[in-house]
N, C-alpha and C. Protein backbone atom coordinates (compact mmCIF):
# COMPACT_ATOMS: atom_id res chain seq x y z
N UNK A 1 -18.59 101.69 -34.11
CA UNK A 1 -19.24 100.40 -34.18
C UNK A 1 -19.02 99.77 -35.56
N UNK A 2 -19.11 100.56 -36.60
CA UNK A 2 -18.91 100.02 -37.95
C UNK A 2 -17.50 99.46 -38.10
N UNK A 3 -16.53 100.15 -37.51
CA UNK A 3 -15.14 99.72 -37.63
C UNK A 3 -14.95 98.34 -37.00
N UNK A 4 -15.54 98.10 -35.85
CA UNK A 4 -15.38 96.79 -35.21
C UNK A 4 -16.08 95.69 -36.00
N UNK A 5 -17.17 96.02 -36.67
CA UNK A 5 -17.87 95.04 -37.51
C UNK A 5 -16.99 94.66 -38.70
N UNK A 6 -16.37 95.65 -39.32
CA UNK A 6 -15.49 95.38 -40.47
C UNK A 6 -14.31 94.53 -40.04
N UNK A 7 -13.72 94.85 -38.89
CA UNK A 7 -12.59 94.07 -38.38
C UNK A 7 -13.03 92.64 -38.10
N UNK A 8 -14.20 92.47 -37.53
CA UNK A 8 -14.71 91.12 -37.24
C UNK A 8 -14.91 90.32 -38.52
N UNK A 9 -15.45 90.96 -39.53
CA UNK A 9 -15.68 90.28 -40.81
C UNK A 9 -14.34 89.89 -41.45
N UNK A 10 -13.38 90.80 -41.41
CA UNK A 10 -12.06 90.50 -41.98
C UNK A 10 -11.38 89.36 -41.23
N UNK A 11 -11.50 89.36 -39.92
CA UNK A 11 -10.90 88.27 -39.15
C UNK A 11 -11.58 86.94 -39.45
N UNK A 12 -12.89 86.97 -39.58
CA UNK A 12 -13.62 85.74 -39.89
C UNK A 12 -13.23 85.24 -41.27
N UNK A 13 -13.06 86.13 -42.22
CA UNK A 13 -12.67 85.72 -43.57
C UNK A 13 -11.25 85.17 -43.57
N UNK A 14 -10.39 85.76 -42.76
CA UNK A 14 -9.01 85.29 -42.67
C UNK A 14 -8.90 83.92 -42.04
N UNK A 15 -9.86 83.56 -41.21
CA UNK A 15 -9.84 82.27 -40.53
C UNK A 15 -10.70 81.24 -41.26
N UNK A 16 -11.12 81.59 -42.46
CA UNK A 16 -11.98 80.67 -43.22
C UNK A 16 -11.28 79.34 -43.41
N UNK A 17 -12.07 78.32 -43.55
CA UNK A 17 -11.55 76.96 -43.68
C UNK A 17 -10.68 76.81 -44.92
N UNK A 18 -9.55 76.20 -44.72
CA UNK A 18 -8.62 75.89 -45.82
C UNK A 18 -9.04 74.56 -46.43
N UNK A 19 -9.15 74.49 -47.74
CA UNK A 19 -9.57 73.22 -48.36
C UNK A 19 -8.52 72.13 -48.16
N UNK A 20 -8.93 70.88 -48.15
CA UNK A 20 -7.96 69.78 -48.01
C UNK A 20 -6.96 69.82 -49.17
N UNK A 21 -5.68 69.67 -48.88
CA UNK A 21 -4.64 69.76 -49.91
C UNK A 21 -4.46 68.45 -50.68
N UNK A 22 -5.53 67.95 -51.25
CA UNK A 22 -5.46 66.65 -51.92
C UNK A 22 -4.53 66.67 -53.13
N UNK A 23 -4.52 67.77 -53.88
CA UNK A 23 -3.62 67.84 -55.04
C UNK A 23 -2.16 67.83 -54.61
N UNK A 24 -1.85 68.61 -53.58
CA UNK A 24 -0.46 68.64 -53.10
C UNK A 24 -0.07 67.30 -52.50
N UNK A 25 -1.01 66.66 -51.83
CA UNK A 25 -0.72 65.33 -51.27
C UNK A 25 -0.42 64.34 -52.38
N UNK A 26 -1.22 64.37 -53.44
CA UNK A 26 -1.00 63.47 -54.57
C UNK A 26 0.36 63.73 -55.23
N UNK A 27 0.73 64.99 -55.34
CA UNK A 27 2.04 65.34 -55.91
C UNK A 27 3.18 64.82 -55.05
N UNK A 28 3.02 64.95 -53.74
CA UNK A 28 4.06 64.47 -52.82
C UNK A 28 4.19 62.95 -52.90
N UNK A 29 3.06 62.27 -52.99
CA UNK A 29 3.08 60.80 -53.09
C UNK A 29 3.74 60.38 -54.40
N UNK A 30 3.40 61.06 -55.49
CA UNK A 30 4.00 60.73 -56.80
C UNK A 30 5.51 60.99 -56.79
N UNK A 31 5.92 62.09 -56.17
CA UNK A 31 7.35 62.39 -56.11
C UNK A 31 8.09 61.34 -55.27
N UNK A 32 7.45 60.87 -54.22
CA UNK A 32 8.05 59.83 -53.38
C UNK A 32 8.21 58.54 -54.17
N UNK A 33 7.20 58.18 -54.91
CA UNK A 33 7.30 56.97 -55.75
C UNK A 33 8.39 57.11 -56.80
N UNK A 34 8.49 58.29 -57.39
CA UNK A 34 9.54 58.53 -58.38
C UNK A 34 10.93 58.36 -57.78
N UNK A 35 11.10 58.87 -56.57
CA UNK A 35 12.40 58.74 -55.89
C UNK A 35 12.69 57.27 -55.58
N UNK A 36 11.65 56.54 -55.17
CA UNK A 36 11.85 55.10 -54.89
C UNK A 36 12.28 54.36 -56.15
N UNK A 37 11.61 54.65 -57.27
CA UNK A 37 11.92 53.98 -58.53
C UNK A 37 13.30 54.36 -59.06
N UNK A 38 13.77 55.55 -58.71
CA UNK A 38 15.09 56.00 -59.16
C UNK A 38 16.21 55.43 -58.31
N UNK A 39 15.87 54.69 -57.26
CA UNK A 39 16.88 54.04 -56.45
C UNK A 39 17.26 54.79 -55.18
N UNK A 40 16.47 55.74 -54.76
CA UNK A 40 16.79 56.51 -53.56
C UNK A 40 17.00 55.64 -52.32
N UNK A 41 16.26 54.54 -52.15
CA UNK A 41 16.50 53.72 -50.95
C UNK A 41 17.91 53.12 -50.87
N UNK A 42 18.60 53.03 -52.01
CA UNK A 42 19.94 52.43 -52.03
C UNK A 42 21.06 53.46 -51.87
N UNK A 43 20.70 54.74 -51.80
CA UNK A 43 21.68 55.82 -51.65
C UNK A 43 21.45 56.43 -50.26
N UNK A 44 22.39 56.25 -49.34
CA UNK A 44 22.13 56.64 -47.95
C UNK A 44 21.57 58.05 -47.75
N UNK A 45 22.17 59.06 -48.36
CA UNK A 45 21.65 60.40 -48.12
C UNK A 45 20.32 60.62 -48.81
N UNK A 46 20.07 59.98 -49.93
CA UNK A 46 18.77 60.07 -50.59
C UNK A 46 17.71 59.31 -49.80
N UNK A 47 18.13 58.18 -49.22
CA UNK A 47 17.20 57.38 -48.42
C UNK A 47 16.69 58.19 -47.22
N UNK A 48 17.55 59.00 -46.64
CA UNK A 48 17.14 59.84 -45.52
C UNK A 48 16.08 60.85 -45.96
N UNK A 49 16.30 61.49 -47.08
CA UNK A 49 15.32 62.47 -47.58
C UNK A 49 14.02 61.78 -47.93
N UNK A 50 14.11 60.59 -48.50
CA UNK A 50 12.91 59.82 -48.84
C UNK A 50 12.13 59.46 -47.59
N UNK A 51 12.83 59.05 -46.55
CA UNK A 51 12.16 58.71 -45.29
C UNK A 51 11.47 59.94 -44.70
N UNK A 52 12.13 61.08 -44.75
CA UNK A 52 11.51 62.32 -44.28
C UNK A 52 10.23 62.61 -45.06
N UNK A 53 10.29 62.46 -46.36
CA UNK A 53 9.11 62.72 -47.19
C UNK A 53 7.97 61.78 -46.82
N UNK A 54 8.28 60.51 -46.62
CA UNK A 54 7.24 59.54 -46.26
C UNK A 54 6.62 59.87 -44.90
N UNK A 55 7.46 60.28 -43.96
CA UNK A 55 6.94 60.65 -42.64
C UNK A 55 6.07 61.91 -42.73
N UNK A 56 6.48 62.85 -43.57
CA UNK A 56 5.72 64.09 -43.72
C UNK A 56 4.38 63.82 -44.39
N UNK A 57 4.34 62.88 -45.31
CA UNK A 57 3.07 62.50 -45.93
C UNK A 57 2.14 61.92 -44.88
N UNK A 58 2.67 61.06 -44.03
CA UNK A 58 1.85 60.48 -42.95
C UNK A 58 1.35 61.57 -42.01
N UNK A 59 2.20 62.53 -41.68
CA UNK A 59 1.80 63.62 -40.81
C UNK A 59 0.72 64.48 -41.48
N UNK A 60 0.89 64.73 -42.77
CA UNK A 60 -0.09 65.53 -43.50
C UNK A 60 -1.46 64.84 -43.51
N UNK A 61 -1.45 63.54 -43.71
CA UNK A 61 -2.72 62.80 -43.68
C UNK A 61 -3.40 62.90 -42.32
N UNK A 62 -2.60 62.79 -41.26
CA UNK A 62 -3.16 62.90 -39.91
C UNK A 62 -3.72 64.30 -39.68
N UNK A 63 -3.00 65.30 -40.15
CA UNK A 63 -3.47 66.68 -40.00
C UNK A 63 -4.78 66.89 -40.76
N UNK A 64 -4.87 66.30 -41.95
CA UNK A 64 -6.10 66.43 -42.73
C UNK A 64 -7.27 65.79 -42.00
N UNK A 65 -7.03 64.63 -41.38
CA UNK A 65 -8.09 63.96 -40.63
C UNK A 65 -8.55 64.80 -39.44
N UNK A 66 -7.61 65.60 -38.88
CA UNK A 66 -7.94 66.45 -37.74
C UNK A 66 -8.50 67.81 -38.18
N UNK A 67 -8.64 67.99 -39.50
CA UNK A 67 -9.17 69.25 -40.01
C UNK A 67 -8.15 70.37 -40.06
N UNK A 68 -6.89 70.05 -39.87
CA UNK A 68 -5.82 71.05 -39.92
C UNK A 68 -5.27 71.13 -41.35
N UNK A 69 -6.12 71.54 -42.27
CA UNK A 69 -5.78 71.50 -43.69
C UNK A 69 -4.66 72.46 -44.08
N UNK A 70 -4.62 73.62 -43.45
CA UNK A 70 -3.57 74.57 -43.81
C UNK A 70 -2.20 74.02 -43.41
N UNK A 71 -2.09 73.49 -42.20
CA UNK A 71 -0.83 72.88 -41.76
C UNK A 71 -0.50 71.67 -42.63
N UNK A 72 -1.51 70.90 -42.97
CA UNK A 72 -1.31 69.73 -43.82
C UNK A 72 -0.78 70.15 -45.19
N UNK A 73 -1.28 71.26 -45.69
CA UNK A 73 -0.83 71.76 -46.99
C UNK A 73 0.66 72.08 -46.95
N UNK A 74 1.08 72.77 -45.91
CA UNK A 74 2.51 73.07 -45.77
C UNK A 74 3.33 71.78 -45.66
N UNK A 75 2.81 70.81 -44.94
CA UNK A 75 3.52 69.55 -44.76
C UNK A 75 3.64 68.79 -46.09
N UNK A 76 2.59 68.83 -46.92
CA UNK A 76 2.67 68.16 -48.22
C UNK A 76 3.72 68.82 -49.10
N UNK A 77 3.85 70.13 -49.00
CA UNK A 77 4.87 70.83 -49.79
C UNK A 77 6.28 70.45 -49.32
N UNK A 78 6.46 70.32 -48.01
CA UNK A 78 7.75 69.86 -47.49
C UNK A 78 8.03 68.44 -47.99
N UNK A 79 7.02 67.58 -47.94
CA UNK A 79 7.20 66.19 -48.38
C UNK A 79 7.58 66.15 -49.85
N UNK A 80 6.90 66.93 -50.66
CA UNK A 80 7.20 66.97 -52.10
C UNK A 80 8.65 67.39 -52.33
N UNK A 81 9.08 68.45 -51.64
CA UNK A 81 10.45 68.93 -51.83
C UNK A 81 11.49 67.94 -51.35
N UNK A 82 11.22 67.28 -50.23
CA UNK A 82 12.16 66.26 -49.76
C UNK A 82 12.22 65.08 -50.73
N UNK A 83 11.09 64.69 -51.29
CA UNK A 83 11.07 63.60 -52.26
C UNK A 83 11.82 63.99 -53.53
N UNK A 84 11.64 65.22 -53.98
CA UNK A 84 12.37 65.69 -55.16
C UNK A 84 13.87 65.74 -54.89
N UNK A 85 14.26 66.12 -53.68
CA UNK A 85 15.67 66.12 -53.33
C UNK A 85 16.22 64.70 -53.32
N UNK A 86 15.46 63.76 -52.80
CA UNK A 86 15.88 62.35 -52.81
C UNK A 86 16.05 61.86 -54.24
N UNK A 87 15.13 62.23 -55.10
CA UNK A 87 15.21 61.85 -56.52
C UNK A 87 16.48 62.42 -57.15
N UNK A 88 16.77 63.69 -56.90
CA UNK A 88 17.97 64.31 -57.47
C UNK A 88 19.24 63.63 -56.95
N UNK A 89 19.25 63.30 -55.67
CA UNK A 89 20.42 62.63 -55.10
C UNK A 89 20.61 61.24 -55.69
N UNK A 90 19.52 60.53 -55.90
CA UNK A 90 19.60 59.19 -56.51
C UNK A 90 20.11 59.29 -57.94
N UNK A 91 19.62 60.26 -58.68
CA UNK A 91 20.08 60.44 -60.06
C UNK A 91 21.54 60.84 -60.10
N UNK A 92 21.95 61.70 -59.19
CA UNK A 92 23.35 62.11 -59.12
C UNK A 92 24.24 60.90 -58.83
N UNK A 93 23.81 60.06 -57.91
CA UNK A 93 24.60 58.86 -57.57
C UNK A 93 24.70 57.93 -58.77
N UNK A 94 23.61 57.74 -59.49
CA UNK A 94 23.62 56.87 -60.67
C UNK A 94 24.55 57.44 -61.75
N UNK A 95 24.52 58.75 -61.95
CA UNK A 95 25.39 59.38 -62.94
C UNK A 95 26.86 59.25 -62.54
N UNK A 96 27.14 59.42 -61.25
CA UNK A 96 28.51 59.29 -60.76
C UNK A 96 29.01 57.87 -60.98
N UNK A 97 28.17 56.87 -60.70
CA UNK A 97 28.58 55.47 -60.89
C UNK A 97 28.83 55.18 -62.36
N UNK A 98 27.97 55.70 -63.25
CA UNK A 98 28.18 55.49 -64.69
C UNK A 98 29.49 56.13 -65.14
N UNK A 99 29.77 57.32 -64.63
CA UNK A 99 31.01 58.00 -64.97
C UNK A 99 32.21 57.19 -64.51
N UNK A 100 32.18 56.73 -63.27
CA UNK A 100 33.30 55.96 -62.74
C UNK A 100 33.51 54.67 -63.53
N UNK A 101 32.42 54.04 -63.93
CA UNK A 101 32.53 52.81 -64.71
C UNK A 101 33.12 53.11 -66.09
N UNK A 102 32.67 54.18 -66.72
CA UNK A 102 33.20 54.55 -68.04
C UNK A 102 34.67 54.93 -67.94
N UNK A 103 35.04 55.65 -66.89
CA UNK A 103 36.44 56.04 -66.70
C UNK A 103 37.32 54.81 -66.49
N UNK A 104 36.82 53.85 -65.72
CA UNK A 104 37.60 52.62 -65.50
C UNK A 104 37.75 51.84 -66.78
N UNK A 105 36.71 51.79 -67.59
CA UNK A 105 36.76 51.07 -68.86
C UNK A 105 37.75 51.75 -69.81
N UNK A 106 37.71 53.09 -69.85
CA UNK A 106 38.62 53.84 -70.71
C UNK A 106 40.06 53.65 -70.27
N UNK A 107 40.29 53.65 -68.98
CA UNK A 107 41.64 53.46 -68.45
C UNK A 107 42.15 52.06 -68.79
N UNK A 108 41.29 51.08 -68.67
CA UNK A 108 41.67 49.70 -68.98
C UNK A 108 41.97 49.55 -70.48
N UNK A 109 41.22 50.24 -71.30
CA UNK A 109 41.43 50.16 -72.76
C UNK A 109 42.73 50.83 -73.17
N UNK A 110 43.15 51.86 -72.44
CA UNK A 110 44.36 52.58 -72.76
C UNK A 110 45.61 51.90 -72.23
N UNK A 111 45.48 51.02 -71.28
CA UNK A 111 46.64 50.36 -70.68
C UNK A 111 47.35 49.49 -71.72
N UNK A 112 48.68 49.55 -71.73
CA UNK A 112 49.41 48.73 -72.71
C UNK A 112 49.25 47.24 -72.37
N UNK A 113 49.06 46.46 -73.40
CA UNK A 113 48.89 45.01 -73.21
C UNK A 113 50.24 44.34 -73.33
N UNK A 114 50.45 43.38 -72.51
CA UNK A 114 51.74 42.67 -72.53
C UNK A 114 51.61 41.28 -73.00
């Protein structure tokens, strides 16, 4: 009998309510804004990741409203990572464009003038 009581207590503790992931949600929202400001909407593959992050934030909010805080927490982490990926892609695109512009300028400067 004692063993079943201990198992019941452990199961109840394992199913304890997960707190709302407000900090993770705020981080995901901030990362999304950062990606937007870095130009992710103008880079097709970054725009896709940004859209995924925005959708995941919306899903996380809905999950939180339904009391599914643990699932919402995982969703906020996915949103954060997708937003960070969008940010990295936008920065990579900007760096590539700067490089191409500098290379074109250098090539033009080296060309013999007639």
